[in-house]
Amino acid sequence: MWVTAGVAALGFLVTLEIVARHHGLPGPITNQTREVILAPHSGPLLYAGLALTMVVLTWRQRAVAAGAAIAIDLVFWPVRWVFDARMNFGNGALWVILGCVVVAVVRRTGSERVLLLKGAGLGLLLVAGHKTGDTWLHITSVTRPDVLDEYVATADHALGDPSWLAGRLVEATDPIGGHVLGVVYGQLPLAAALVALYQLRHVAVERRFPSHHLARTFLVIGLLGPAVYMIFPVVGPIFAFGTDGGHWAVANLWPDTPPRFDTPGSIRFDDITPRNCMPSLHTAWATTIFVHSRKGSPLLRFAGAFWLIGTLAATLGFGYHYGVDLVAGVVFALTVEAAMRSFACGWDRRAILLVAHGAAVFALLLLSYRYLPTTMADHPWLFGPLLLSAMGSVVYDYVRTIRLRDPKVVPAEQPEPRLLPA
């Protein structure tokens, strides 16, 4: 299974590399290869990948790996300073992950080799998933010249235009509010890595991975989500109706005045801005972090809830998404999570119905945003609760199904001790 998954992932990366090159863009393999020497785009992401790799190592091996990564970065730092190159860190983490692959092939055998390759593969998949997402975003911008923001903005009236409201709140709380939300929004992969590390903390002792964990769902969401972008291209309110859109924007309305359209239509936009709004993958990822943090420590549960709330506030408050994007993102996340859990734990009638329910609701949401936006805007007190109820039905179905499939383990009652006669 792991060999098949590895071959499929490699084939997908090669295909995406070819497509990107066809459009004059560097692909995920090129971008990742450059970071072996050049300054990485995200140092925390590479160290998060290293942390996932280290779940299969002993504490002594972890200390050696972390020390080697930091030492390599310390060597790169003055060299970049001398040559006036872009300063960043993370090369050391990538070198150590690749070193683990070499050690697994050359020095390990049997189950130990497989375990170390799984750990290194998990770390590389986290990084490769991020690079794949970046490439997908570039492809959406050059292959989808028209965007559907007028439709989505009109449908968003049913929810009361939450992006406009959140945008004004962020402006009112600047610079503190904007800075905090920016950190939450930008470091979502790091938060996912921390939750995954908690779930995988016993791998080094048990010498095996759990059947289902956050990293699997996180990566699949990043793989499937951009395919929806190609079907439903949307750039977001700050671009379509705000200053960031430049002369391509319909008007400078965000976050002061919600736009009104009697007959919404498609908008011709630039070939730079990603069409990455529908669904909101940041919302989807934050939802899966929240779901997987529920079985953790109280601190982890609080962190999961904080990251979900902060991500929702940031996606709206920065003008990157509409409210209806977030509704679709939650449904998308729970559908993918249900499918990944069923792949790991087995399919049954409840699991099939849950995935079918989520997929059907997600499809209906997209169709309603595209073909019923003016009706939704004209009857907000009907369609607003309907949208939230549709999302709530998937949430309820997911929670109910998981509770029925994973009942809490109740310790058996111990018999009362019997006193022996004197």
Protein backbone atom coordinates (compact mmCIF):
# COMPACT_ATOMS: atom_id res chain seq x y z
CA MET A 1 0.00 0.00 0.00
CA TRP A 2 2.81 2.40 0.90
CA VAL A 3 4.66 1.61 -2.34
CA THR A 4 1.49 2.22 -4.34
CA ALA A 5 0.83 5.49 -2.52
CA GLY A 6 4.42 6.60 -3.09
CA VAL A 7 4.30 5.83 -6.80
CA ALA A 8 0.95 7.61 -7.15
CA ALA A 9 2.26 10.69 -5.30
CA LEU A 10 5.41 10.78 -7.44
CA GLY A 11 3.37 10.41 -10.62
CA PHE A 12 1.09 13.25 -9.56
CA LEU A 13 4.05 15.51 -8.78
CA VAL A 14 5.66 14.75 -12.15
CA THR A 15 2.37 15.44 -13.96
CA LEU A 16 1.91 18.70 -12.12
CA GLU A 17 5.51 19.65 -12.89
CA ILE A 18 4.88 19.09 -16.61
CA VAL A 19 1.64 21.09 -16.54
CA ALA A 20 3.33 23.94 -14.68
CA ARG A 21 6.24 24.01 -17.13
CA HIS A 22 3.75 24.09 -20.01
CA HIS A 23 2.39 27.33 -18.57
CA GLY A 24 5.86 28.78 -17.97
CA LEU A 25 5.84 28.15 -14.21
CA PRO A 26 8.23 26.18 -11.99
CA GLY A 27 6.58 23.03 -10.66
CA PRO A 28 6.62 21.56 -7.14
CA ILE A 29 9.65 19.36 -7.83
CA THR A 30 11.67 22.33 -9.10
CA ASN A 31 10.66 24.52 -6.16
CA GLN A 32 11.52 21.81 -3.64
CA THR A 33 14.86 21.00 -5.28
CA ARG A 34 15.89 24.65 -5.16
CA GLU A 35 15.43 24.71 -1.39
CA VAL A 36 18.24 22.21 -0.92
CA ILE A 37 20.63 25.14 -1.54
CA LEU A 38 18.64 28.35 -1.98
CA ALA A 39 16.76 30.14 0.78
CA PRO A 40 13.51 28.28 1.56
CA HIS A 41 10.14 29.92 1.23
CA SER A 42 9.07 28.76 4.72
CA GLY A 43 11.59 27.67 7.33
CA PRO A 44 8.96 26.74 9.96
CA LEU A 45 7.30 24.42 7.43
CA LEU A 46 10.56 22.54 6.80
CA TYR A 47 11.21 22.16 10.51
CA ALA A 48 7.62 20.96 10.97
CA GLY A 49 8.37 18.31 8.34
CA LEU A 50 11.53 17.35 10.23
CA ALA A 51 9.54 17.08 13.45
CA LEU A 52 7.12 14.66 11.77
CA THR A 53 10.08 12.62 10.53
CA MET A 54 11.56 12.46 14.02
CA VAL A 55 8.50 10.67 15.47
CA VAL A 56 10.13 7.40 14.36
CA LEU A 57 13.47 8.19 16.03
CA THR A 58 14.68 7.63 19.57
CA TRP A 59 15.30 10.64 21.81
CA ARG A 60 19.03 10.41 21.23
CA GLN A 61 18.53 10.26 17.47
CA ARG A 62 16.15 13.21 17.64
CA ALA A 63 18.77 15.28 19.45
CA VAL A 64 21.37 14.40 16.82
CA ALA A 65 18.94 15.19 13.95
CA ALA A 66 17.85 18.53 15.41
CA GLY A 67 21.43 19.51 16.18
CA ALA A 68 22.56 18.63 12.66
CA ALA A 69 19.73 20.67 11.12
CA ILE A 70 20.53 23.73 13.21
CA ALA A 71 24.26 23.40 12.51
CA ILE A 72 23.67 23.25 8.75
CA ASP A 73 21.48 26.35 8.90
CA LEU A 74 24.16 28.18 10.90
CA VAL A 75 26.63 27.40 8.11
CA PHE A 76 24.24 28.65 5.41
CA TRP A 77 23.45 31.90 7.25
CA PRO A 78 26.84 33.70 7.00
CA VAL A 79 27.35 32.49 3.41
CA ARG A 80 24.06 34.11 2.38
CA TRP A 81 24.99 37.24 4.28
CA VAL A 82 28.34 37.50 2.46
CA PHE A 83 26.72 37.08 -0.96
CA ASP A 84 23.81 39.40 -0.05
CA ALA A 85 21.32 36.62 -0.79
CA ARG A 86 17.83 36.33 0.64
CA MET A 87 18.06 35.34 4.29
CA ASN A 88 16.02 32.46 5.63
CA PHE A 89 16.46 29.15 7.42
CA GLY A 90 15.22 25.59 6.89
CA ASN A 91 17.82 24.05 4.57
CA GLY A 92 19.23 22.07 7.48
CA ALA A 93 15.86 20.49 8.19
CA LEU A 94 15.47 19.43 4.56
CA TRP A 95 19.01 18.02 4.48
CA VAL A 96 18.35 15.92 7.59
CA ILE A 97 15.07 14.54 6.19
CA LEU A 98 16.86 13.54 2.98
CA GLY A 99 19.65 12.08 5.11
CA CYS A 100 17.11 9.89 6.88
CA VAL A 101 16.05 8.52 3.49
CA VAL A 102 19.66 7.67 2.67
CA VAL A 103 20.22 6.04 6.07
CA ALA A 104 17.03 4.00 5.68
CA VAL A 105 18.12 2.67 2.29
CA VAL A 106 21.80 2.09 3.14
CA ARG A 107 21.89 1.24 6.85
CA ARG A 108 18.46 -0.18 7.76
CA THR A 109 16.70 -3.40 6.85
CA GLY A 110 13.28 -4.93 7.25
CA SER A 111 10.68 -3.21 9.40
CA GLU A 112 13.16 -0.59 10.66
CA ARG A 113 13.84 0.54 7.10
CA VAL A 114 10.12 0.73 6.34
CA LEU A 115 9.42 2.71 9.52
CA LEU A 116 12.19 5.25 8.84
CA LEU A 117 11.07 5.65 5.23
CA LYS A 118 7.51 6.22 6.41
CA GLY A 119 8.70 8.93 8.79
CA ALA A 120 10.82 10.66 6.16
CA GLY A 121 8.04 10.30 3.61
CA LEU A 122 5.55 11.92 5.97
CA GLY A 123 7.86 14.89 6.50
CA LEU A 124 8.51 15.26 2.78
CA LEU A 125 4.80 14.94 1.99
CA LEU A 126 4.01 17.86 4.29
CA VAL A 127 6.52 20.03 2.43
CA ALA A 128 5.60 18.67 -1.02
CA GLY A 129 1.92 19.24 -0.29
CA HIS A 130 2.63 22.91 0.38
CA LYS A 131 4.65 23.21 -2.84
CA THR A 132 1.93 21.41 -4.78
CA GLY A 133 -0.64 23.85 -3.45
CA ASP A 134 1.47 26.82 -4.54
CA THR A 135 1.79 25.37 -8.03
CA TRP A 136 -1.95 24.69 -8.23
CA LEU A 137 -2.65 28.31 -7.28
CA HIS A 138 -0.41 29.59 -10.07
CA ILE A 139 -2.12 27.29 -12.55
CA THR A 140 -5.58 28.56 -11.56
CA SER A 141 -4.49 32.14 -12.19
CA VAL A 142 -3.25 31.50 -15.72
CA THR A 143 -5.93 29.02 -16.85
CA ARG A 144 -9.06 30.66 -15.39
CA PRO A 145 -9.18 34.27 -16.65
CA ASP A 146 -12.80 34.81 -15.53
CA VAL A 147 -13.85 34.67 -11.87
CA LEU A 148 -17.27 34.23 -10.26
CA ASP A 149 -16.99 36.71 -7.39
CA GLU A 150 -20.17 38.58 -8.28
CA TYR A 151 -22.16 35.38 -7.86
CA VAL A 152 -20.55 34.53 -4.53
CA ALA A 153 -20.78 38.09 -3.19
CA THR A 154 -24.47 38.14 -4.06
CA ALA A 155 -25.10 34.78 -2.40
CA ASP A 156 -23.19 36.05 0.64
CA HIS A 157 -25.99 38.55 1.34
CA ALA A 158 -27.95 35.59 2.72
CA LEU A 159 -25.43 35.42 5.57
CA GLY A 160 -25.32 39.17 6.14
CA ASP A 161 -22.03 39.87 4.29
CA PRO A 162 -19.78 38.62 7.13
CA SER A 163 -16.54 39.47 5.31
CA TRP A 164 -17.46 43.15 5.25
CA LEU A 165 -18.35 43.10 8.95
CA ALA A 166 -15.18 41.22 9.93
CA GLY A 167 -13.06 43.53 7.77
CA ARG A 168 -14.29 46.58 9.65
CA LEU A 169 -13.64 44.85 12.99
CA VAL A 170 -10.05 44.05 11.99
CA GLU A 171 -9.51 47.64 10.90
CA ALA A 172 -10.87 48.86 14.23
CA THR A 173 -8.49 46.62 16.22
CA ASP A 174 -5.34 47.26 14.18
CA PRO A 175 -2.43 46.78 14.64
CA ILE A 176 -2.90 44.16 17.38
CA GLY A 177 -5.87 42.34 15.88
CA GLY A 178 -4.39 42.17 12.41
CA HIS A 179 -1.01 40.95 13.68
CA VAL A 180 -2.47 38.17 15.82
CA LEU A 181 -4.77 36.96 13.06
CA GLY A 182 -1.90 37.13 10.57
CA VAL A 183 0.18 34.77 12.70
CA VAL A 184 -2.74 32.37 13.12
CA TYR A 185 -3.51 32.42 9.39
CA GLY A 186 0.09 32.09 8.20
CA GLN A 187 1.24 29.34 10.55
CA LEU A 188 -1.63 26.92 10.02
CA PRO A 189 0.70 24.15 8.71
CA LEU A 190 2.78 24.48 11.88
CA ALA A 191 -0.36 24.08 14.01
CA ALA A 192 -1.28 20.97 12.04
CA ALA A 193 2.20 19.56 12.59
CA LEU A 194 1.91 20.08 16.37
CA VAL A 195 -1.41 18.22 16.53
CA ALA A 196 0.00 15.45 14.31
CA LEU A 197 3.04 15.19 16.57
CA TYR A 198 0.76 14.68 19.56
CA GLN A 199 -1.09 11.92 17.73
CA LEU A 200 2.17 10.25 16.61
CA ARG A 201 4.02 10.60 19.93
CA HIS A 202 4.04 6.83 20.58
CA VAL A 203 5.29 5.76 17.14
CA ALA A 204 8.92 5.45 18.26
CA VAL A 205 7.90 3.08 21.09
CA GLU A 206 5.22 1.06 19.32
CA ARG A 207 7.23 0.98 16.04
CA ARG A 208 4.12 1.58 13.94
CA PHE A 209 1.89 4.45 12.86
CA PRO A 210 -1.75 4.75 14.02
CA SER A 211 -4.34 3.76 11.44
CA HIS A 212 -5.64 7.33 11.10
CA HIS A 213 -4.10 10.69 11.96
CA LEU A 214 -4.36 14.35 11.03
CA ALA A 215 -1.54 14.46 8.49
CA ARG A 216 -3.39 12.13 6.11
CA THR A 217 -6.55 14.26 5.98
CA PHE A 218 -4.53 17.48 5.86
CA LEU A 219 -2.65 16.35 2.77
CA VAL A 220 -5.72 14.99 0.96
CA ILE A 221 -7.60 18.27 1.50
CA GLY A 222 -4.69 20.12 -0.09
CA LEU A 223 -4.75 17.69 -3.01
CA LEU A 224 -8.48 17.75 -3.75
CA GLY A 225 -9.33 21.36 -2.90
CA PRO A 226 -7.52 23.02 -5.83
CA ALA A 227 -9.48 20.83 -8.24
CA VAL A 228 -12.61 22.67 -7.07
CA TYR A 229 -10.83 25.99 -7.69
CA MET A 230 -10.60 25.02 -11.34
CA ILE A 231 -14.38 24.47 -11.44
CA PHE A 232 -15.38 27.47 -9.33
CA PRO A 233 -12.71 30.21 -9.64
CA VAL A 234 -13.07 33.02 -7.09
CA VAL A 235 -10.42 35.54 -5.97
CA GLY A 236 -12.02 37.02 -2.84
CA PRO A 237 -13.54 40.36 -1.79
CA ILE A 238 -10.29 42.25 -1.18
CA PHE A 239 -9.27 41.58 -4.78
CA ALA A 240 -12.59 41.71 -6.64
CA PHE A 241 -14.03 44.61 -4.62
CA GLY A 242 -11.03 46.09 -2.79
CA THR A 243 -7.73 47.88 -3.16
CA ASP A 244 -5.65 44.73 -3.73
CA GLY A 245 -7.41 44.15 -7.05
CA GLY A 246 -6.00 47.32 -8.59
CA HIS A 247 -7.66 48.29 -11.85
CA TRP A 248 -9.07 44.75 -12.17
CA ALA A 249 -11.40 45.31 -9.20
CA VAL A 250 -15.05 46.02 -9.92
CA ALA A 251 -14.94 48.90 -7.44
CA ASN A 252 -13.24 49.85 -4.16
CA LEU A 253 -16.02 48.65 -1.86
CA TRP A 254 -14.46 46.30 0.67
CA PRO A 255 -14.87 46.51 3.66
CA ASP A 256 -17.12 49.57 3.70
CA THR A 257 -19.97 48.88 1.25
CA PRO A 258 -21.28 45.43 0.30
CA PRO A 259 -21.80 45.21 -3.50
CA ARG A 260 -25.25 44.74 -4.99
CA PHE A 261 -25.90 43.08 -8.36
CA ASP A 262 -29.29 42.55 -9.98
CA THR A 263 -27.74 40.23 -12.57
CA PRO A 264 -24.33 38.97 -11.39
CA GLY A 265 -21.87 37.75 -14.00
CA SER A 266 -18.29 36.62 -14.42
CA ILE A 267 -15.39 39.09 -14.08
CA ARG A 268 -12.24 39.12 -16.21
CA PHE A 269 -9.28 39.22 -13.81
CA ASP A 270 -5.47 39.23 -13.94
CA ASP A 271 -3.22 36.20 -14.47
CA ILE A 272 -1.44 36.54 -11.11
CA THR A 273 -4.06 36.35 -8.36
CA PRO A 274 -4.93 32.75 -7.36
CA ARG A 275 -8.56 31.68 -7.72
CA ASN A 276 -8.47 29.99 -4.31
CA CYS A 277 -11.64 30.92 -2.45
CA MET A 278 -14.23 28.22 -3.09
CA PRO A 279 -14.05 26.35 -0.79
CA SER A 280 -11.92 27.96 1.90
CA LEU A 281 -9.15 25.42 2.44
CA HIS A 282 -7.83 27.35 5.44
CA THR A 283 -11.25 26.79 7.00
CA ALA A 284 -11.15 23.12 5.97
CA TRP A 285 -7.69 22.62 7.47
CA ALA A 286 -8.57 24.48 10.66
CA THR A 287 -11.70 22.33 10.97
CA THR A 288 -9.67 19.12 10.75
CA ILE A 289 -7.21 20.46 13.32
CA PHE A 290 -10.15 21.16 15.62
CA VAL A 291 -11.62 17.68 15.05
CA HIS A 292 -8.34 15.87 15.70
CA SER A 293 -7.52 17.96 18.77
CA ARG A 294 -10.70 16.84 20.56
CA LYS A 295 -9.04 13.69 21.92
CA GLY A 296 -5.94 15.50 23.10
CA SER A 297 -4.98 17.21 26.33
CA PRO A 298 -6.97 20.23 27.58
CA LEU A 299 -4.25 22.53 26.26
CA LEU A 300 -4.42 20.89 22.83
CA ARG A 301 -8.21 21.12 22.75
CA PHE A 302 -8.01 24.81 23.60
CA ALA A 303 -5.37 25.35 20.89
CA GLY A 304 -7.53 23.56 18.31
CA ALA A 305 -10.55 25.71 19.15
CA PHE A 306 -8.43 28.87 19.17
CA TRP A 307 -6.92 28.10 15.77
CA LEU A 308 -10.34 27.39 14.26
CA ILE A 309 -11.86 30.62 15.56
CA GLY A 310 -8.75 32.63 14.63
CA THR A 311 -8.64 31.17 11.12
CA LEU A 312 -12.31 31.92 10.49
CA ALA A 313 -11.82 35.48 11.71
CA ALA A 314 -8.67 35.95 9.60
CA THR A 315 -10.11 34.57 6.37
CA LEU A 316 -13.05 36.96 6.63
CA GLY A 317 -11.30 39.91 8.28
CA PHE A 318 -8.49 40.08 5.73
CA GLY A 319 -10.95 39.93 2.85
CA TYR A 320 -9.63 36.64 1.51
CA HIS A 321 -12.98 34.82 1.63
CA TYR A 322 -16.73 35.25 1.66
CA GLY A 323 -18.93 33.72 4.34
CA VAL A 324 -20.33 31.13 1.96
CA ASP A 325 -16.73 29.97 1.28
CA LEU A 326 -16.39 29.07 4.94
CA VAL A 327 -19.66 27.11 4.96
CA ALA A 328 -18.45 25.11 1.97
CA GLY A 329 -15.03 24.65 3.61
CA VAL A 330 -16.51 23.05 6.74
CA VAL A 331 -18.64 20.64 4.70
CA PHE A 332 -15.68 19.80 2.46
CA ALA A 333 -13.40 19.13 5.45
CA LEU A 334 -15.80 16.83 7.28
CA THR A 335 -16.55 14.89 4.08
CA VAL A 336 -12.86 14.28 3.39
CA GLU A 337 -12.19 13.47 7.04
CA ALA A 338 -15.04 10.93 7.08
CA ALA A 339 -13.70 9.29 3.92
CA MET A 340 -10.11 9.11 5.24
CA ARG A 341 -11.28 7.69 8.55
CA SER A 342 -13.31 5.06 6.72
CA PHE A 343 -10.34 4.12 4.51
CA ALA A 344 -8.35 3.48 7.68
CA CYS A 345 -10.98 1.90 9.91
CA GLY A 346 -13.25 0.21 7.38
CA TRP A 347 -16.35 1.16 5.42
CA ASP A 348 -19.82 0.40 6.68
CA ARG A 349 -23.30 1.68 5.90
CA ARG A 350 -23.01 4.67 8.26
CA ALA A 351 -19.68 5.74 6.75
CA ILE A 352 -20.98 5.48 3.18
CA LEU A 353 -24.08 7.51 4.01
CA LEU A 354 -22.01 10.16 5.79
CA VAL A 355 -19.64 10.65 2.86
CA ALA A 356 -22.54 10.67 0.40
CA HIS A 357 -24.41 13.19 2.57
CA GLY A 358 -21.40 15.50 2.75
CA ALA A 359 -20.68 15.26 -0.97
CA ALA A 360 -24.31 15.97 -1.85
CA VAL A 361 -24.50 19.01 0.43
CA PHE A 362 -21.22 20.35 -0.95
CA ALA A 363 -22.44 19.98 -4.54
CA LEU A 364 -25.76 21.66 -3.69
CA LEU A 365 -23.92 24.57 -2.08
CA LEU A 366 -21.83 25.17 -5.20
CA LEU A 367 -24.88 24.92 -7.47
CA SER A 368 -26.89 27.34 -5.32
CA TYR A 369 -24.03 29.88 -5.23
CA ARG A 370 -23.81 29.76 -9.01
CA TYR A 371 -27.44 29.56 -10.09
CA LEU A 372 -29.50 30.99 -7.19
CA PRO A 373 -27.45 33.93 -5.84
CA THR A 374 -30.06 36.65 -6.47
CA THR A 375 -32.81 34.51 -4.96
CA MET A 376 -30.66 33.90 -1.92
CA ALA A 377 -29.89 37.62 -1.62
CA ASP A 378 -33.58 38.58 -1.93
CA HIS A 379 -34.65 36.14 0.82
CA PRO A 380 -31.84 36.19 3.42
CA TRP A 381 -34.06 35.14 6.32
CA LEU A 382 -34.89 31.95 4.43
CA PHE A 383 -31.62 31.05 2.74
CA GLY A 384 -29.29 32.16 5.55
CA PRO A 385 -30.73 29.62 8.02
CA LEU A 386 -30.93 27.06 5.19
CA LEU A 387 -27.19 27.38 4.49
CA LEU A 388 -26.31 27.08 8.16
CA SER A 389 -28.73 24.17 8.58
CA ALA A 390 -27.19 22.35 5.62
CA MET A 391 -23.74 22.74 7.15
CA GLY A 392 -25.10 21.82 10.58
CA SER A 393 -26.65 18.63 9.21
CA VAL A 394 -23.23 17.44 8.03
CA VAL A 395 -21.65 18.39 11.36
CA TYR A 396 -24.38 16.53 13.26
CA ASP A 397 -24.16 13.48 10.98
CA TYR A 398 -20.37 13.39 11.37
CA VAL A 399 -20.45 13.64 15.18
CA ARG A 400 -23.24 11.07 15.45
CA THR A 401 -21.50 8.61 13.10
CA ILE A 402 -18.14 8.92 14.84
CA ARG A 403 -19.69 8.42 18.26
CA LEU A 404 -21.50 5.31 17.07
CA ARG A 405 -18.38 3.88 15.40
CA ASP A 406 -15.95 4.87 18.16
CA PRO A 407 -17.83 4.44 21.42
CA LYS A 408 -16.08 5.53 24.57
CA VAL A 409 -14.33 2.76 26.41
CA VAL A 410 -15.90 2.37 29.83
CA PRO A 411 -13.74 0.54 32.37
CA ALA A 412 -15.27 -2.64 33.65
CA GLU A 413 -16.62 -2.56 37.17
CA GLN A 414 -14.33 -4.22 39.65
CA PRO A 415 -15.93 -6.61 42.15
CA GLU A 416 -15.99 -5.53 45.75
CA PRO A 417 -13.14 -7.10 47.72
CA ARG A 418 -14.33 -9.85 50.03
CA LEU A 419 -12.92 -9.96 53.50
CA LEU A 420 -11.46 -13.27 54.53
CA PRO A 421 -12.65 -14.64 57.84
CA ALA A 422 -10.27 -14.11 60.70
